[in-house]
PDB file of N, CA and C in Angstrom:
ATOM      1  N   MET A   1      12.765   0.162 -13.175  1.00  0.00           N
ATOM      2  CA  MET A   1      12.246   0.445 -11.614  1.00  0.00           C
ATOM      3  C   MET A   1      12.960   1.114 -10.645  1.00  0.00           C
ATOM      4  N   THR A   2      12.018   2.557 -10.241  1.00  0.00           N
ATOM      5  CA  THR A   2      12.842   2.797  -9.598  1.00  0.00           C
ATOM      6  C   THR A   2      11.813   2.972  -8.319  1.00  0.00           C
ATOM      7  N   GLU A   3      12.363   3.337  -7.350  1.00  0.00           N
ATOM      8  CA  GLU A   3      10.986   2.903  -6.095  1.00  0.00           C
ATOM      9  C   GLU A   3      10.576   3.673  -6.403  1.00  0.00           C
ATOM     10  N   GLN A   4      10.031   4.673  -6.546  1.00  0.00           N
ATOM     11  CA  GLN A   4       9.125   5.701  -7.109  1.00  0.00           C
ATOM     12  C   GLN A   4       7.970   5.628  -7.140  1.00  0.00           C
ATOM     13  N   GLN A   5       8.782   4.826  -8.132  1.00  0.00           N
ATOM     14  CA  GLN A   5       7.177   4.207  -9.512  1.00  0.00           C
ATOM     15  C   GLN A   5       6.879   2.541  -8.359  1.00  0.00           C
ATOM     16  N   VAL A   6       7.252   1.785  -7.645  1.00  0.00           N
ATOM     17  CA  VAL A   6       7.341   1.043  -6.945  1.00  0.00           C
ATOM     18  C   VAL A   6       6.285   1.556  -6.070  1.00  0.00           C
ATOM     19  N   GLN A   7       6.380   2.482  -5.294  1.00  0.00           N
ATOM     20  CA  GLN A   7       5.397   3.178  -4.409  1.00  0.00           C
ATOM     21  C   GLN A   7       4.332   3.691  -4.980  1.00  0.00           C
ATOM     22  N   GLN A   8       4.051   4.540  -5.687  1.00  0.00           N
ATOM     23  CA  GLN A   8       3.053   4.815  -6.793  1.00  0.00           C
ATOM     24  C   GLN A   8       2.300   3.286  -6.852  1.00  0.00           C
ATOM     25  N   ILE A   9       2.490   2.093  -7.478  1.00  0.00           N
ATOM     26  CA  ILE A   9       1.957   1.193  -7.405  1.00  0.00           C
ATOM     27  C   ILE A   9       1.049   0.868  -6.673  1.00  0.00           C
ATOM     28  N   LEU A  10       1.827   0.694  -5.402  1.00  0.00           N
ATOM     29  CA  LEU A  10       1.674  -0.151  -4.352  1.00  0.00           C
ATOM     30  C   LEU A  10       0.661   0.832  -3.599  1.00  0.00           C
ATOM     31  N   SER A  11       0.830   2.314  -3.194  1.00  0.00           N
ATOM     32  CA  SER A  11      -0.493   3.230  -3.016  1.00  0.00           C
ATOM     33  C   SER A  11      -1.514   3.286  -3.464  1.00  0.00           C
ATOM     34  N   VAL A  12      -1.871   3.048  -4.921  1.00  0.00           N
ATOM     35  CA  VAL A  12      -3.148   2.469  -5.298  1.00  0.00           C
ATOM     36  C   VAL A  12      -3.920   1.427  -5.017  1.00  0.00           C
ATOM     37  N   HIS A  13      -2.825   0.483  -5.182  1.00  0.00           N
ATOM     38  CA  HIS A  13      -3.090  -1.462  -4.765  1.00  0.00           C
ATOM     39  C   HIS A  13      -3.549  -1.959  -3.135  1.00  0.00           C
ATOM     40  N   LEU A  14      -5.127  -0.761  -2.274  1.00  0.00           N
ATOM     41  CA  LEU A  14      -4.798  -0.943  -1.626  1.00  0.00           C
ATOM     42  C   LEU A  14      -6.243  -2.081  -1.291  1.00  0.00           C
ATOM     43  N   PRO A  15      -6.150  -2.699  -0.511  1.00  0.00           N
ATOM     44  CA  PRO A  15      -7.221  -3.994   0.010  1.00  0.00           C
ATOM     45  C   PRO A  15      -8.660  -2.824   0.765  1.00  0.00           C
ATOM     46  N   VAL A  16      -9.581  -2.835  -0.507  1.00  0.00           N
ATOM     47  CA  VAL A  16     -10.809  -2.631   0.219  1.00  0.00           C
ATOM     48  C   VAL A  16     -11.590  -3.226   0.619  1.00  0.00           C
ATOM     49  N   ASP A  17     -12.429  -3.837   1.314  1.00  0.00           N
ATOM     50  CA  ASP A  17     -13.540  -4.935   1.517  1.00  0.00           C
ATOM     51  C   ASP A  17     -12.867  -6.133   0.864  1.00  0.00           C
ATOM     52  N   GLY A  18     -11.976  -6.738   0.659  1.00  0.00           N
ATOM     53  CA  GLY A  18     -11.039  -7.772  -0.019  1.00  0.00           C
ATOM     54  C   GLY A  18     -10.483  -7.500  -1.848  1.00  0.00           C
ATOM     55  N   LEU A  19     -10.881  -6.974  -2.002  1.00  0.00           N
ATOM     56  CA  LEU A  19     -10.857  -6.305  -3.447  1.00  0.00           C
ATOM     57  C   LEU A  19      -9.423  -5.405  -3.315  1.00  0.00           C
ATOM     58  N   CYS A  20      -9.029  -5.233  -4.617  1.00  0.00           N
ATOM     59  CA  CYS A  20      -7.858  -3.980  -4.582  1.00  0.00           C
ATOM     60  C   CYS A  20      -8.838  -2.641  -5.438  1.00  0.00           C
ATOM     61  N   ALA A  21      -8.650  -1.981  -4.764  1.00  0.00           N
ATOM     62  CA  ALA A  21      -9.188  -0.798  -5.278  1.00  0.00           C
ATOM     63  C   ALA A  21      -8.825   0.390  -6.175  1.00  0.00           C
ATOM     64  N   GLY A  22      -6.953  -0.205  -6.681  1.00  0.00           N
ATOM     65  CA  GLY A  22      -6.749   0.239  -7.517  1.00  0.00           C
ATOM     66  C   GLY A  22      -7.229  -0.372  -8.928  1.00  0.00           C
ATOM     67  N   CYS A  23      -7.392  -0.978  -9.000  1.00  0.00           N
ATOM     68  CA  CYS A  23      -7.426  -2.246 -10.159  1.00  0.00           C
ATOM     69  C   CYS A  23      -9.254  -1.697 -10.478  1.00  0.00           C
ATOM     70  N   ARG A  24      -9.953  -1.817  -9.267  1.00  0.00           N
ATOM     71  CA  ARG A  24     -11.701  -1.525  -9.141  1.00  0.00           C
ATOM     72  C   ARG A  24     -11.567  -0.311 -10.068  1.00  0.00           C
ATOM     73  N   TRP A  25     -10.548   0.738  -9.475  1.00  0.00           N
ATOM     74  CA  TRP A  25     -10.300   1.776 -10.140  1.00  0.00           C
ATOM     75  C   TRP A  25      -9.961   2.411 -11.424  1.00  0.00           C
ATOM     76  N   TRP A  26      -8.986   1.543 -12.195  1.00  0.00           N
ATOM     77  CA  TRP A  26      -7.976   2.131 -13.425  1.00  0.00           C
ATOM     78  C   TRP A  26      -8.593   1.373 -14.202  1.00  0.00           C
ATOM     79  N   TRP A  27      -9.537  -0.103 -14.043  1.00  0.00           N
ATOM     80  CA  TRP A  27      -9.927  -0.740 -15.091  1.00  0.00           C
ATOM     81  C   TRP A  27     -11.789  -1.447 -14.998  1.00  0.00           C
ATOM     82  N   ALA A  28     -11.950  -0.331 -14.336  1.00  0.00           N
ATOM     83  CA  ALA A  28     -13.803  -0.501 -13.850  1.00  0.00           C
ATOM     84  C   ALA A  28     -13.659  -2.073 -13.355  1.00  0.00           C
ATOM     85  N   ARG A  29     -13.386  -2.814 -13.094  1.00  0.00           N
ATOM     86  CA  ARG A  29     -13.680  -4.351 -12.749  1.00  0.00           C
ATOM     87  C   ARG A  29     -12.876  -4.855 -11.499  1.00  0.00           C
ATOM     88  N   LEU A  30     -13.688  -6.087 -11.475  1.00  0.00           N
ATOM     89  CA  LEU A  30     -13.246  -7.039  -9.815  1.00  0.00           C
ATOM     90  C   LEU A  30     -12.376  -7.476  -9.978  1.00  0.00           C
ATOM     91  N   ALA A  31     -11.487  -7.271  -9.148  1.00  0.00           N
ATOM     92  CA  ALA A  31     -10.275  -8.127  -9.164  1.00  0.00           C
ATOM     93  C   ALA A  31      -9.074  -8.741  -7.631  1.00  0.00           C
ATOM     94  N   PRO A  32      -9.318  -9.784  -7.444  1.00  0.00           N
ATOM     95  CA  PRO A  32      -8.819  -9.954  -6.471  1.00  0.00           C
ATOM     96  C   PRO A  32      -8.005  -9.607  -5.553  1.00  0.00           C
ATOM     97  N   TYR A  33      -7.819  -9.253  -4.360  1.00  0.00           N
ATOM     98  CA  TYR A  33      -6.674  -8.751  -4.021  1.00  0.00           C
ATOM     99  C   TYR A  33      -5.640  -9.608  -3.255  1.00  0.00           C
ATOM    100  N   PRO A  34      -4.474 -10.355  -3.307  1.00  0.00           N
ATOM    101  CA  PRO A  34      -3.805  -9.067  -4.016  1.00  0.00           C
ATOM    102  C   PRO A  34      -3.377  -8.998  -5.482  1.00  0.00           C
ATOM    103  N   CYS A  35      -3.644  -8.228  -6.241  1.00  0.00           N
ATOM    104  CA  CYS A  35      -3.844  -8.617  -7.800  1.00  0.00           C
ATOM    105  C   CYS A  35      -1.910  -8.503  -8.231  1.00  0.00           C
ATOM    106  N   TYR A  36      -1.585  -9.194  -9.370  1.00  0.00           N
ATOM    107  CA  TYR A  36      -0.552  -9.689 -10.310  1.00  0.00           C
ATOM    108  C   TYR A  36       0.574  -8.019  -9.140  1.00  0.00           C
ATOM    109  N   GLN A  37       0.002  -6.670  -9.805  1.00  0.00           N
ATOM    110  CA  GLN A  37       1.023  -5.892 -10.136  1.00  0.00           C
ATOM    111  C   GLN A  37       1.557  -5.674  -8.581  1.00  0.00           C
ATOM    112  N   VAL A  38       0.591  -5.971  -8.202  1.00  0.00           N
ATOM    113  CA  VAL A  38       0.750  -5.020  -5.937  1.00  0.00           C
ATOM    114  C   VAL A  38       1.689  -6.839  -5.221  1.00  0.00           C
ATOM    115  N   GLU A  39       1.448  -7.928  -6.495  1.00  0.00           N
ATOM    116  CA  GLU A  39       2.309  -8.895  -5.767  1.00  0.00           C
ATOM    117  C   GLU A  39       3.846  -8.681  -6.022  1.00  0.00           C
ATOM    118  N   TRP A  40       3.928  -8.048  -7.609  1.00  0.00           N
ATOM    119  CA  TRP A  40       4.896  -7.946  -8.217  1.00  0.00           C
ATOM    120  C   TRP A  40       5.366  -6.713  -7.904  1.00  0.00           C
ATOM    121  N   ALA A  41       5.045  -5.479  -7.328  1.00  0.00           N
ATOM    122  CA  ALA A  41       5.561  -4.361  -6.961  1.00  0.00           C
ATOM    123  C   ALA A  41       5.973  -5.030  -5.210  1.00  0.00           C
ATOM    124  N   SER A  42       5.368  -5.807  -4.664  1.00  0.00           N
ATOM    125  CA  SER A  42       5.941  -6.115  -3.149  1.00  0.00           C
ATOM    126  C   SER A  42       7.205  -6.819  -2.942  1.00  0.00           C
ATOM    127  N   ARG A  43       7.028  -7.293  -4.250  1.00  0.00           N
ATOM    128  CA  ARG A  43       8.173  -8.756  -4.326  1.00  0.00           C
ATOM    129  C   ARG A  43       9.630  -7.820  -4.636  1.00  0.00           C
ATOM    130  N   TRP A  44       9.526  -6.927  -5.746  1.00  0.00           N
ATOM    131  CA  TRP A  44      10.352  -5.588  -5.743  1.00  0.00           C
ATOM    132  C   TRP A  44      10.745  -4.871  -4.735  1.00  0.00           C
ATOM    133  N   HIS A  45      10.408  -4.138  -4.173  1.00  0.00           N
ATOM    134  CA  HIS A  45      10.017  -3.656  -3.044  1.00  0.00           C
ATOM    135  C   HIS A  45      11.395  -4.608  -1.819  1.00  0.00           C
ATOM    136  N   ALA A  46      10.928  -5.341  -1.805  1.00  0.00           N
ATOM    137  CA  ALA A  46      11.282  -6.654  -0.515  1.00  0.00           C
ATOM    138  C   ALA A  46      12.694  -7.007  -1.422  1.00  0.00           C
ATOM    139  N   ARG A  47      12.798  -6.981  -2.182  1.00  0.00           N
ATOM    140  CA  ARG A  47      14.024  -7.198  -2.789  1.00  0.00           C
ATOM    141  C   ARG A  47      15.365  -6.094  -2.727  1.00  0.00           C
ATOM    142  N   ALA A  48      14.372  -4.721  -2.821  1.00  0.00           N
ATOM    143  CA  ALA A  48      15.409  -3.962  -3.346  1.00  0.00           C
ATOM    144  C   ALA A  48      15.416  -3.415  -1.430  1.00  0.00           C
ATOM    145  N   ALA A  49      15.181  -3.869  -0.498  1.00  0.00           N
ATOM    146  CA  ALA A  49      14.978  -3.242   0.707  1.00  0.00           C
ATOM    147  C   ALA A  49      16.445  -4.440   1.587  1.00  0.00           C
ATOM    148  N   THR A  50      16.587  -5.602   1.007  1.00  0.00           N
ATOM    149  CA  THR A  50      17.369  -6.552   1.150  1.00  0.00           C
ATOM    150  C   THR A  50      18.297  -6.876   0.852  1.00  0.00           C
ATOM    151  N   ARG A  51      18.126  -6.013  -0.598  1.00  0.00           N
ATOM    152  CA  ARG A  51      19.629  -5.881  -1.083  1.00  0.00           C
ATOM    153  C   ARG A  51      20.233  -4.928  -0.695  1.00  0.00           C
ATOM    154  N   ARG A  52      19.860  -3.572  -0.337  1.00  0.00           N
ATOM    155  CA  ARG A  52      20.256  -2.319   0.336  1.00  0.00           C
ATOM    156  C   ARG A  52      20.641  -2.894   1.824  1.00  0.00           C
ATOM    157  N   PHE A  53      20.041  -3.702   2.791  1.00  0.00           N
ATOM    158  CA  PHE A  53      20.643  -3.872   4.643  1.00  0.00           C
ATOM    159  C   PHE A  53      22.386  -4.328   3.627  1.00  0.00           C
ATOM    160  N   LEU A  54      21.926  -5.520   2.684  1.00  0.00           N
ATOM    161  CA  LEU A  54      22.707  -6.885   2.595  1.00  0.00           C
ATOM    162  C   LEU A  54      23.941  -5.953   2.570  1.00  0.00           C
ATOM    163  N   ASP A  55      23.921  -4.844   1.325  1.00  0.00           N
ATOM    164  CA  ASP A  55      25.263  -3.698   0.858  1.00  0.00           C
ATOM    165  C   ASP A  55      25.895  -3.595   2.259  1.00  0.00           C
ATOM    166  N   GLY A  56      24.461  -3.174   2.670  1.00  0.00           N
ATOM    167  CA  GLY A  56      25.230  -2.291   4.421  1.00  0.00           C
ATOM    168  C   GLY A  56      26.239  -3.198   5.271  1.00  0.00           C
ATOM    169  N   LEU A  57      25.531  -4.378   5.223  1.00  0.00           N
ATOM    170  CA  LEU A  57      26.725  -5.563   5.720  1.00  0.00           C
ATOM    171  C   LEU A  57      28.236  -5.776   5.485  1.00  0.00           C
ATOM    172  N   ALA A  58      28.000  -5.133   4.139  1.00  0.00           N
ATOM    173  CA  ALA A  58      29.697  -6.101   3.366  1.00  0.00           C
ATOM    174  C   ALA A  58      30.385  -5.133   3.702  1.00  0.00           C
TER     175      ALA A  58
END
């Protein structure tokens, strides 16, 4: 998974009235925010940022 792919997932999974707008749009069903995909993408993004930071200190 690349940083660009993660950013695309995060860009469509935005909270709107407490619901994930991306899930509502893609699957036409209500899904609580944060949905599983945005949780995963957020964790991936945080790990990548931490990895870049720690690699810079080495």
